[in-house]
Amino acid sequence: MAEDNRINGFAWFLAGLGVGALAGILYAPKSGRETRDDLANSAREGTEYLRNRSKQVADQVGTLVDKGKEQVGEYVDRGREAVDRGRAQWEDFVERGKSLVGEQGSRVAAAVDAGRQAYKAGSAPGAGTAGATGVTTSTAPTTGS
């Protein structure tokens, strides 16, 4: 009995398959050739769409790359300008330092020369003796009252 049910079920399956195929053929809007042509056209259209879309994406990526290069160039230029300004300020500071050192050197040299002149003037014969404080002492005797 179980075997009869299997055969009976298989028979109904085959009958349904045949009816479905017949209904598909009778109610198909297009022939097989037309359906294959539609599928081929759809594939060509999809390929063309993908080709166009990939070109658009490539153009957009190229535009983004160009913008990125411009921005990097601007940042590099800004960096160079900052370095140049810093270098100019550094050179200005160095020149100021050199001039201050030169001025102080001149003042020190003038003070040394003045000291030499004072020493020479104080140690001349008949001018008295000059002590460490630069005070001239007299060697003449004093008269008392």
N, C-alpha and C. Protein backbone atom coordinates (compact mmCIF):
# COMPACT_ATOMS: atom_id res chain seq x y z
N MET A 1 0.80 -1.17 0.00
CA MET A 1 0.00 0.00 0.00
C MET A 1 0.85 1.26 0.00
N ALA A 2 1.94 1.22 0.73
CA ALA A 2 2.82 2.37 0.78
C ALA A 2 3.46 2.58 -0.58
N GLU A 3 3.69 1.45 -1.28
CA GLU A 3 4.28 1.56 -2.59
C GLU A 3 3.29 2.13 -3.59
N ASP A 4 2.05 1.85 -3.46
CA ASP A 4 1.00 2.42 -4.32
C ASP A 4 0.90 3.93 -4.12
N ASN A 5 1.05 4.36 -2.88
CA ASN A 5 0.98 5.80 -2.60
C ASN A 5 2.16 6.53 -3.24
N ARG A 6 3.32 5.88 -3.24
CA ARG A 6 4.48 6.51 -3.85
C ARG A 6 4.30 6.62 -5.36
N ILE A 7 3.86 5.59 -5.96
CA ILE A 7 3.64 5.61 -7.41
C ILE A 7 2.55 6.60 -7.75
N ASN A 8 1.51 6.59 -6.97
CA ASN A 8 0.41 7.52 -7.18
C ASN A 8 0.89 8.96 -7.02
N GLY A 9 1.72 9.25 -6.01
CA GLY A 9 2.26 10.60 -5.78
C GLY A 9 3.18 11.04 -6.91
N PHE A 10 3.99 10.08 -7.39
CA PHE A 10 4.89 10.40 -8.49
C PHE A 10 4.11 10.69 -9.76
N ALA A 11 3.03 9.95 -9.97
CA ALA A 11 2.19 10.16 -11.15
C ALA A 11 1.56 11.55 -11.10
N TRP A 12 1.06 11.91 -9.94
CA TRP A 12 0.48 13.25 -9.81
C TRP A 12 1.55 14.34 -10.04
N PHE A 13 2.78 14.10 -9.57
CA PHE A 13 3.87 15.05 -9.79
C PHE A 13 4.13 15.23 -11.29
N LEU A 14 4.23 14.12 -12.00
CA LEU A 14 4.45 14.20 -13.45
C LEU A 14 3.29 14.88 -14.16
N ALA A 15 2.08 14.60 -13.72
CA ALA A 15 0.91 15.24 -14.33
C ALA A 15 0.97 16.74 -14.10
N GLY A 16 1.33 17.16 -12.88
CA GLY A 16 1.43 18.60 -12.57
C GLY A 16 2.54 19.27 -13.37
N LEU A 17 3.64 18.56 -13.55
CA LEU A 17 4.74 19.09 -14.34
C LEU A 17 4.31 19.30 -15.79
N GLY A 18 3.63 18.36 -16.33
CA GLY A 18 3.16 18.48 -17.71
C GLY A 18 2.16 19.61 -17.85
N VAL A 19 1.22 19.70 -16.92
CA VAL A 19 0.22 20.78 -16.99
C VAL A 19 0.91 22.13 -16.87
N GLY A 20 1.91 22.25 -15.97
CA GLY A 20 2.62 23.51 -15.79
C GLY A 20 3.39 23.91 -17.03
N ALA A 21 4.02 22.93 -17.68
CA ALA A 21 4.77 23.22 -18.90
C ALA A 21 3.82 23.64 -20.01
N LEU A 22 2.69 22.95 -20.11
CA LEU A 22 1.70 23.31 -21.13
C LEU A 22 1.16 24.71 -20.88
N ALA A 23 0.86 25.05 -19.64
CA ALA A 23 0.34 26.38 -19.32
C ALA A 23 1.41 27.43 -19.60
N GLY A 24 2.67 27.12 -19.29
CA GLY A 24 3.74 28.07 -19.56
C GLY A 24 3.90 28.34 -21.03
N ILE A 25 3.76 27.30 -21.85
CA ILE A 25 3.90 27.48 -23.30
C ILE A 25 2.71 28.25 -23.86
N LEU A 26 1.53 27.92 -23.38
CA LEU A 26 0.33 28.58 -23.90
C LEU A 26 0.25 30.05 -23.50
N TYR A 27 0.67 30.36 -22.30
CA TYR A 27 0.52 31.73 -21.80
C TYR A 27 1.81 32.54 -21.83
N ALA A 28 2.86 32.01 -22.43
CA ALA A 28 4.11 32.75 -22.52
C ALA A 28 3.90 33.95 -23.43
N PRO A 29 4.32 35.15 -22.98
CA PRO A 29 4.11 36.33 -23.81
C PRO A 29 5.02 36.37 -25.02
N LYS A 30 6.16 35.69 -24.93
CA LYS A 30 7.12 35.75 -26.03
C LYS A 30 7.62 34.35 -26.33
N SER A 31 8.18 34.25 -27.53
CA SER A 31 8.75 32.95 -27.90
C SER A 31 10.12 32.80 -27.22
N GLY A 32 10.68 31.63 -27.31
CA GLY A 32 12.00 31.36 -26.71
C GLY A 32 13.08 32.27 -27.29
N ARG A 33 13.05 32.45 -28.59
CA ARG A 33 14.04 33.30 -29.25
C ARG A 33 13.93 34.73 -28.74
N GLU A 34 12.67 35.22 -28.65
CA GLU A 34 12.47 36.59 -28.15
C GLU A 34 12.95 36.72 -26.70
N THR A 35 12.69 35.72 -25.89
CA THR A 35 13.12 35.74 -24.49
C THR A 35 14.65 35.74 -24.41
N ARG A 36 15.30 34.91 -25.24
CA ARG A 36 16.76 34.89 -25.23
C ARG A 36 17.33 36.23 -25.70
N ASP A 37 16.69 36.81 -26.72
CA ASP A 37 17.14 38.13 -27.19
C ASP A 37 16.96 39.19 -26.10
N ASP A 38 15.85 39.14 -25.38
CA ASP A 38 15.63 40.09 -24.28
C ASP A 38 16.68 39.92 -23.19
N LEU A 39 17.00 38.67 -22.87
CA LEU A 39 18.03 38.42 -21.86
C LEU A 39 19.40 38.94 -22.32
N ALA A 40 19.73 38.72 -23.59
CA ALA A 40 21.01 39.20 -24.14
C ALA A 40 21.05 40.73 -24.12
N ASN A 41 19.94 41.36 -24.51
CA ASN A 41 19.88 42.83 -24.48
C ASN A 41 20.03 43.36 -23.06
N SER A 42 19.38 42.71 -22.13
CA SER A 42 19.49 43.12 -20.73
C SER A 42 20.93 42.98 -20.25
N ALA A 43 21.60 41.92 -20.65
CA ALA A 43 23.00 41.72 -20.26
C ALA A 43 23.88 42.80 -20.87
N ARG A 44 23.64 43.15 -22.17
CA ARG A 44 24.41 44.21 -22.80
C ARG A 44 24.15 45.56 -22.13
N GLU A 45 22.90 45.83 -21.80
CA GLU A 45 22.57 47.09 -21.11
C GLU A 45 23.23 47.14 -19.73
N GLY A 46 23.21 46.03 -19.03
CA GLY A 46 23.88 45.99 -17.72
C GLY A 46 25.38 46.22 -17.84
N THR A 47 25.98 45.61 -18.87
CA THR A 47 27.41 45.80 -19.11
C THR A 47 27.72 47.25 -19.43
N GLU A 48 26.89 47.83 -20.29
CA GLU A 48 27.08 49.25 -20.67
C GLU A 48 26.89 50.16 -19.45
N TYR A 49 25.91 49.86 -18.63
CA TYR A 49 25.67 50.65 -17.41
C TYR A 49 26.89 50.57 -16.50
N LEU A 50 27.41 49.35 -16.29
CA LEU A 50 28.59 49.19 -15.44
C LEU A 50 29.80 49.92 -16.01
N ARG A 51 29.96 49.87 -17.33
CA ARG A 51 31.08 50.55 -17.98
C ARG A 51 30.97 52.06 -17.77
N ASN A 52 29.77 52.62 -18.00
CA ASN A 52 29.57 54.06 -17.82
C ASN A 52 29.76 54.46 -16.35
N ARG A 53 29.24 53.66 -15.47
CA ARG A 53 29.33 53.96 -14.03
C ARG A 53 30.79 53.91 -13.57
N SER A 54 31.54 52.93 -14.09
CA SER A 54 32.95 52.84 -13.69
C SER A 54 33.74 54.05 -14.22
N LYS A 55 33.38 54.54 -15.42
CA LYS A 55 34.03 55.75 -15.94
C LYS A 55 33.71 56.96 -15.04
N GLN A 56 32.46 57.07 -14.61
CA GLN A 56 32.08 58.17 -13.73
C GLN A 56 32.85 58.09 -12.40
N VAL A 57 32.93 56.91 -11.86
CA VAL A 57 33.66 56.73 -10.59
C VAL A 57 35.14 57.07 -10.79
N ALA A 58 35.72 56.64 -11.90
CA ALA A 58 37.12 56.93 -12.17
C ALA A 58 37.33 58.44 -12.28
N ASP A 59 36.40 59.13 -12.96
CA ASP A 59 36.50 60.59 -13.06
C ASP A 59 36.40 61.25 -11.69
N GLN A 60 35.48 60.77 -10.86
CA GLN A 60 35.33 61.34 -9.52
C GLN A 60 36.58 61.10 -8.68
N VAL A 61 37.14 59.90 -8.79
CA VAL A 61 38.36 59.61 -8.04
C VAL A 61 39.51 60.50 -8.54
N GLY A 62 39.59 60.69 -9.85
CA GLY A 62 40.62 61.57 -10.41
C GLY A 62 40.46 62.99 -9.90
N THR A 63 39.22 63.46 -9.83
CA THR A 63 38.95 64.81 -9.30
C THR A 63 39.36 64.90 -7.84
N LEU A 64 39.02 63.88 -7.06
CA LEU A 64 39.40 63.89 -5.65
C LEU A 64 40.92 63.85 -5.48
N VAL A 65 41.59 63.09 -6.31
CA VAL A 65 43.05 63.02 -6.24
C VAL A 65 43.65 64.39 -6.58
N ASP A 66 43.11 65.04 -7.60
CA ASP A 66 43.61 66.37 -7.97
C ASP A 66 43.39 67.37 -6.84
N LYS A 67 42.22 67.33 -6.22
CA LYS A 67 41.96 68.22 -5.09
C LYS A 67 42.92 67.93 -3.94
N GLY A 68 43.16 66.65 -3.69
CA GLY A 68 44.09 66.27 -2.64
C GLY A 68 45.50 66.79 -2.92
N LYS A 69 45.94 66.68 -4.17
CA LYS A 69 47.25 67.20 -4.55
C LYS A 69 47.32 68.70 -4.33
N GLU A 70 46.26 69.42 -4.71
CA GLU A 70 46.23 70.87 -4.52
C GLU A 70 46.33 71.22 -3.04
N GLN A 71 45.57 70.51 -2.20
CA GLN A 71 45.59 70.79 -0.77
C GLN A 71 46.97 70.50 -0.18
N VAL A 72 47.56 69.40 -0.59
CA VAL A 72 48.90 69.07 -0.08
C VAL A 72 49.88 70.15 -0.53
N GLY A 73 49.76 70.60 -1.78
CA GLY A 73 50.63 71.67 -2.28
C GLY A 73 50.46 72.94 -1.47
N GLU A 74 49.20 73.28 -1.12
CA GLU A 74 48.95 74.47 -0.31
C GLU A 74 49.58 74.32 1.07
N TYR A 75 49.46 73.12 1.67
CA TYR A 75 50.05 72.90 2.99
C TYR A 75 51.57 72.99 2.92
N VAL A 76 52.14 72.47 1.85
CA VAL A 76 53.60 72.54 1.69
C VAL A 76 54.03 74.00 1.55
N ASP A 77 53.28 74.77 0.75
CA ASP A 77 53.60 76.19 0.58
C ASP A 77 53.49 76.94 1.91
N ARG A 78 52.44 76.66 2.66
CA ARG A 78 52.29 77.30 3.97
C ARG A 78 53.45 76.93 4.89
N GLY A 79 53.85 75.69 4.85
CA GLY A 79 54.98 75.25 5.67
C GLY A 79 56.27 75.96 5.27
N ARG A 80 56.48 76.09 3.99
CA ARG A 80 57.68 76.79 3.51
C ARG A 80 57.65 78.25 3.95
N GLU A 81 56.48 78.88 3.84
CA GLU A 81 56.37 80.27 4.26
C GLU A 81 56.67 80.41 5.75
N ALA A 82 56.15 79.49 6.55
CA ALA A 82 56.41 79.54 7.99
C ALA A 82 57.90 79.35 8.27
N VAL A 83 58.53 78.43 7.57
CA VAL A 83 59.97 78.21 7.76
C VAL A 83 60.74 79.46 7.34
N ASP A 84 60.36 80.07 6.23
CA ASP A 84 61.05 81.28 5.77
C ASP A 84 60.89 82.42 6.77
N ARG A 85 59.66 82.58 7.31
CA ARG A 85 59.45 83.62 8.32
C ARG A 85 60.29 83.36 9.55
N GLY A 86 60.32 82.12 9.99
CA GLY A 86 61.13 81.75 11.15
C GLY A 86 62.61 82.00 10.90
N ARG A 87 63.07 81.64 9.71
CA ARG A 87 64.47 81.85 9.36
C ARG A 87 64.79 83.34 9.34
N ALA A 88 63.89 84.15 8.78
CA ALA A 88 64.11 85.60 8.73
C ALA A 88 64.15 86.17 10.15
N GLN A 89 63.24 85.73 11.02
CA GLN A 89 63.25 86.20 12.40
C GLN A 89 64.54 85.77 13.09
N TRP A 90 64.96 84.55 12.87
CA TRP A 90 66.19 84.06 13.48
C TRP A 90 67.38 84.90 13.02
N GLU A 91 67.45 85.17 11.72
CA GLU A 91 68.55 85.99 11.20
C GLU A 91 68.51 87.39 11.79
N ASP A 92 67.32 87.95 11.96
CA ASP A 92 67.17 89.27 12.57
C ASP A 92 67.68 89.24 14.01
N PHE A 93 67.30 88.21 14.75
CA PHE A 93 67.76 88.09 16.14
C PHE A 93 69.29 87.95 16.20
N VAL A 94 69.84 87.17 15.29
CA VAL A 94 71.30 86.98 15.26
C VAL A 94 71.98 88.31 14.96
N GLU A 95 71.46 89.05 14.00
CA GLU A 95 72.06 90.36 13.67
C GLU A 95 71.96 91.33 14.84
N ARG A 96 70.82 91.34 15.52
CA ARG A 96 70.68 92.19 16.71
C ARG A 96 71.68 91.79 17.77
N GLY A 97 71.83 90.49 17.98
CA GLY A 97 72.80 90.00 18.96
C GLY A 97 74.22 90.41 18.59
N LYS A 98 74.56 90.28 17.31
CA LYS A 98 75.90 90.68 16.87
C LYS A 98 76.13 92.16 17.11
N SER A 99 75.15 92.98 16.78
CA SER A 99 75.32 94.42 16.98
C SER A 99 75.44 94.75 18.46
N LEU A 100 74.64 94.09 19.32
CA LEU A 100 74.75 94.33 20.76
C LEU A 100 76.11 93.90 21.29
N VAL A 101 76.60 92.76 20.84
CA VAL A 101 77.92 92.30 21.26
C VAL A 101 78.98 93.27 20.77
N GLY A 102 78.84 93.75 19.55
CA GLY A 102 79.80 94.73 19.02
C GLY A 102 79.79 96.02 19.83
N GLU A 103 78.58 96.51 20.16
CA GLU A 103 78.47 97.73 20.97
C GLU A 103 79.11 97.52 22.34
N GLN A 104 78.80 96.40 22.97
CA GLN A 104 79.37 96.13 24.29
C GLN A 104 80.89 95.96 24.19
N GLY A 105 81.35 95.35 23.14
CA GLY A 105 82.79 95.21 22.93
C GLY A 105 83.46 96.56 22.80
N SER A 106 82.80 97.47 22.06
CA SER A 106 83.35 98.82 21.91
C SER A 106 83.38 99.53 23.25
N ARG A 107 82.33 99.40 24.03
CA ARG A 107 82.28 100.04 25.35
C ARG A 107 83.37 99.49 26.27
N VAL A 108 83.54 98.17 26.24
CA VAL A 108 84.57 97.55 27.08
C VAL A 108 85.94 98.02 26.62
N ALA A 109 86.19 98.07 25.31
CA ALA A 109 87.48 98.52 24.79
C ALA A 109 87.72 99.97 25.19
N ALA A 110 86.69 100.81 25.13
CA ALA A 110 86.84 102.21 25.52
C ALA A 110 87.13 102.32 27.01
N ALA A 111 86.48 101.50 27.82
CA ALA A 111 86.73 101.52 29.27
C ALA A 111 88.15 101.06 29.56
N VAL A 112 88.62 100.03 28.87
CA VAL A 112 89.98 99.55 29.07
C VAL A 112 90.98 100.63 28.68
N ASP A 113 90.73 101.30 27.54
CA ASP A 113 91.62 102.37 27.11
C ASP A 113 91.63 103.52 28.12
N ALA A 114 90.47 103.87 28.63
CA ALA A 114 90.38 104.94 29.63
C ALA A 114 91.14 104.53 30.89
N GLY A 115 91.03 103.27 31.28
CA GLY A 115 91.77 102.78 32.44
C GLY A 115 93.26 102.84 32.21
N ARG A 116 93.72 102.48 31.04
CA ARG A 116 95.15 102.55 30.72
C ARG A 116 95.64 103.99 30.77
N GLN A 117 94.84 104.87 30.18
CA GLN A 117 95.22 106.29 30.18
C GLN A 117 95.30 106.81 31.61
N ALA A 118 94.35 106.43 32.43
CA ALA A 118 94.36 106.90 33.82
C ALA A 118 95.55 106.32 34.56
N TYR A 119 95.87 105.08 34.30
CA TYR A 119 97.01 104.46 34.96
C TYR A 119 98.30 105.14 34.54
N LYS A 120 98.43 105.38 33.22
CA LYS A 120 99.63 106.03 32.72
C LYS A 120 99.75 107.44 33.26
N ALA A 121 98.63 108.14 33.35
CA ALA A 121 98.66 109.51 33.86
C ALA A 121 99.01 109.52 35.34
N GLY A 122 98.57 108.55 36.07
CA GLY A 122 98.84 108.49 37.50
C GLY A 122 100.22 108.02 37.83
N SER A 123 100.90 107.32 37.00
CA SER A 123 102.23 106.80 37.29
C SER A 123 103.32 107.62 36.63
N ALA A 124 103.03 108.76 36.09
CA ALA A 124 104.04 109.62 35.47
C ALA A 124 104.92 110.23 36.56
N PRO A 125 106.24 110.52 36.32
CA PRO A 125 107.13 111.07 37.34
C PRO A 125 106.65 112.45 37.79
N GLY A 126 106.70 112.69 39.12
CA GLY A 126 106.30 113.96 39.71
C GLY A 126 104.82 114.10 39.90
N ALA A 127 104.04 113.11 39.50
CA ALA A 127 102.60 113.22 39.64
C ALA A 127 102.13 112.57 40.92
N GLY A 128 103.04 111.97 41.68
CA GLY A 128 102.65 111.28 42.89
C GLY A 128 102.44 109.81 42.60
N THR A 129 102.01 109.07 43.62
CA THR A 129 101.78 107.65 43.42
C THR A 129 100.29 107.40 43.38
N ALA A 130 99.93 106.50 42.57
CA ALA A 130 98.52 106.15 42.47
C ALA A 130 98.31 104.83 43.19
N GLY A 131 97.37 104.80 44.09
CA GLY A 131 97.08 103.57 44.81
C GLY A 131 96.07 102.75 44.05
N ALA A 132 95.60 101.74 44.70
CA ALA A 132 94.63 100.87 44.08
C ALA A 132 93.32 101.58 43.85
N THR A 133 93.07 102.65 44.64
CA THR A 133 91.81 103.36 44.48
C THR A 133 91.93 104.48 43.48
N GLY A 134 93.14 104.76 42.99
CA GLY A 134 93.33 105.82 42.03
C GLY A 134 93.47 107.17 42.70
N VAL A 135 93.68 107.22 44.04
CA VAL A 135 93.83 108.47 44.77
C VAL A 135 95.31 108.85 44.76
N THR A 136 95.61 110.08 44.43
CA THR A 136 97.02 110.55 44.39
C THR A 136 97.38 111.04 45.80
N THR A 137 98.52 110.57 46.25
CA THR A 137 98.98 111.01 47.57
C THR A 137 100.15 111.98 47.41
N SER A 138 100.25 112.90 48.28
CA SER A 138 101.30 113.91 48.22
C SER A 138 102.46 113.47 49.11
N THR A 139 103.70 113.74 48.71
CA THR A 139 104.88 113.36 49.48
C THR A 139 105.49 114.57 50.19
N ALA A 140 104.89 115.73 50.11
CA ALA A 140 105.43 116.94 50.74
C ALA A 140 105.18 116.90 52.24
N PRO A 141 106.18 117.39 53.06
CA PRO A 141 105.97 117.38 54.50
C PRO A 141 104.94 118.41 54.90
N THR A 142 104.21 118.10 55.94
CA THR A 142 103.19 119.00 56.44
C THR A 142 103.76 119.81 57.59
N THR A 143 103.39 121.03 57.71
CA THR A 143 103.84 121.89 58.82
C THR A 143 102.79 121.91 59.87
N GLY A 144 103.25 121.76 61.09
CA GLY A 144 102.27 121.67 62.17
C GLY A 144 102.06 123.00 62.83
N SER A 145 101.12 123.21 63.53
CA SER A 145 100.90 124.43 64.26
C SER A 145 101.15 124.29 65.72
